[in-house]
């Protein structure tokens, strides 16, 4: 390839707990992908290896890239697995208990049981200081008291600090001074301040967002900065290096590190973005996304082609408490999650994961995982597993399951493997049913889009149990999140306003949006991208006066009239009532902030090439595989041989790089014009 022919190629690196994916998107919509195991001690090395391999594979010069998008679950996984950074919180004297209550009520871990994030009262320290609501100093910062706290922080083994002082969003000087003191006394300690994370009223959301940012910042910062340092000095024109955010937008390296909670879902957000594009193109407006990776599972909803945004007064860790986010629910269980016996002698899967090193037992590890169970049940070909070393071994999977589970329980290894799969599926089904019920969804109206390395192995059975009639497996499910991040190079801008909607000047609002748009176009122009390639969208965060609950509303395009603002106000009242179940009496509406997103247009991906019919398609081989209580001689097809209009009856397995798709007896699978597998589910 001649690199000069591809001036607007973009790349994405997706660093997961088990694998690192890299994808390239060309101007004509072609996508090139590669996957390598993630090195636990150096994920940035895996990121560079994956991208370098892909660039060499395509013959593209590094200087021909206009953007590199980075996304990861490496900050999310430790939180889900209970291995989060030990974090201290500093707050204003007298507000420690209030702050803790707000954080605990705001941040929860979704799953079979709601778990509070590990913030402890003894690690919340009150400091003498006080700012007035107008920004004046009521009580100066007790600097010596803060310095005296340093030995305690060292003794506790604190790895990160969050500072949330009262009214710091108006005047941040005390938070900034406290950060400087800690930086001098404890060099290298990450200190996150609320006036930079969420500089708005509402102590609970501000504290929760700041505490979560501090908790995930060390992992996220090390991944982002190390990867950026490896790539920024490549020869040729330096590409823009952006970090995917939890709302599907992108941000620069510094912003992503300072507001780490805003990027905790950077990996899963890409998959939801992919599914949103797919929804519009396939005529399936209502989707439930199910990503099962090596270490975690992520679930989200798309309605009428639009992804669900977080709203409400409780924020799962996946929703960042006040920061913009897609409404993604994350579980600490995936294909590489470790299966073990609990205190009652039952098999439980997760939250700990084997990762890529040592990996599942079949790949050289010692403990059994869901991957080992699928290998033992004949659902995965061990030769197709990417190990980065010797080939995977079915015998090693068998021995591990026998030693750790089957032997102690006095059951066969096959039965133990069934129970491993049942445990993982049960966790996901329980979470999925709760989401369906909470949102009042009719599962018959939704298609389950399944991706991630482990998703297609489990999706059909999960859909059947949840009453979902169709499963869609995209062309490259193992790269789906990275491809979504590639397809949505989108930057967000905002202007804080706090103006009464009834008194707002339409011309001033238009001018504010015009300033945001100019900044956005200048940022893209710096990467050589013409304004004609940029799609602009305007929204605004509205709330009732004297209320904290906000909604993001679509803002009219072009110049505004008073009538446009009146229509916006009426639409807000209707949306608020729908979201929260009530509307306050005798109160006006306030525009809290104006938001603008600028997105680089996406080339259409070519339709799936090949034959229009495949009469007489024969399987590549037959393999014994377990479906429920039955072991069946199961046809195994290569996905590369499946073309549009293909239709097959289960049981069958479809294999491709990085994953296998399982189609149960009584179900059927077909291929649409874009190469997606559509499974028609036999609902119980």
Foldseek 3Di string as FASTA:
>chain_A
DDQVVFQEKEKEWEQELFKIKMWIAGPQGDIDIDIAGADVVCNLVRRVVRVVVRCVVVVHALQSYQEYEYAYLQLVLCQQFVNWAAEAEEEAPPCLVVQVVLLQQAEWADFPDTHGGPDDSVRYHHWHFAADLQGHGPTHTPLVVLLVCVVVCVVVVHQEYEYEYPNCLNPVPNVVVSVVSCCVVPPPRHYAYLNLQPSDDDSSLSSNQRRSLRRRLVRVLVNQVSNCVVQQPRPHHGHQYWYAFQQRETDHNVSCNNRVLRRNCRQVSLLVLLVLVVCVVVVQQWAWEWEAAQFKIKIFIGHRSHTAWDFDRHAYSSNSRPHTHGRMRMHGFHQQWFWAADPVRAIATDNDGCHLVVTAQQLNDQTHGLVLLCVLQVQDDQQQARNNDDTGHNVRSLVRLCVGRCVVVVHHSNVSSVRRLVNRLVGVLSSVLVVCVVVVHDLQSYEYEFAYLEGQSNPQVSCQANVHFKYKYAQHRNCSSRVSSSQWHKHKDKDFDFAFLLPDDQVVVVVVVVVVVVVVQVVSVVSVDHPVQKDKFKWFWKDWPPDDGIDIGGQDDDGDDNVSSVVRQVVRQVVCCVRPVDDDPPTTMTGGMMMMMMTGHGNDHDWFDDDQDDPPDAAPAWDFGDDPPDTDGEGEHELVPAAAPDKAADQYWYDDRSHIHGAHHPKMWGAHRRGMIMIGHDHD
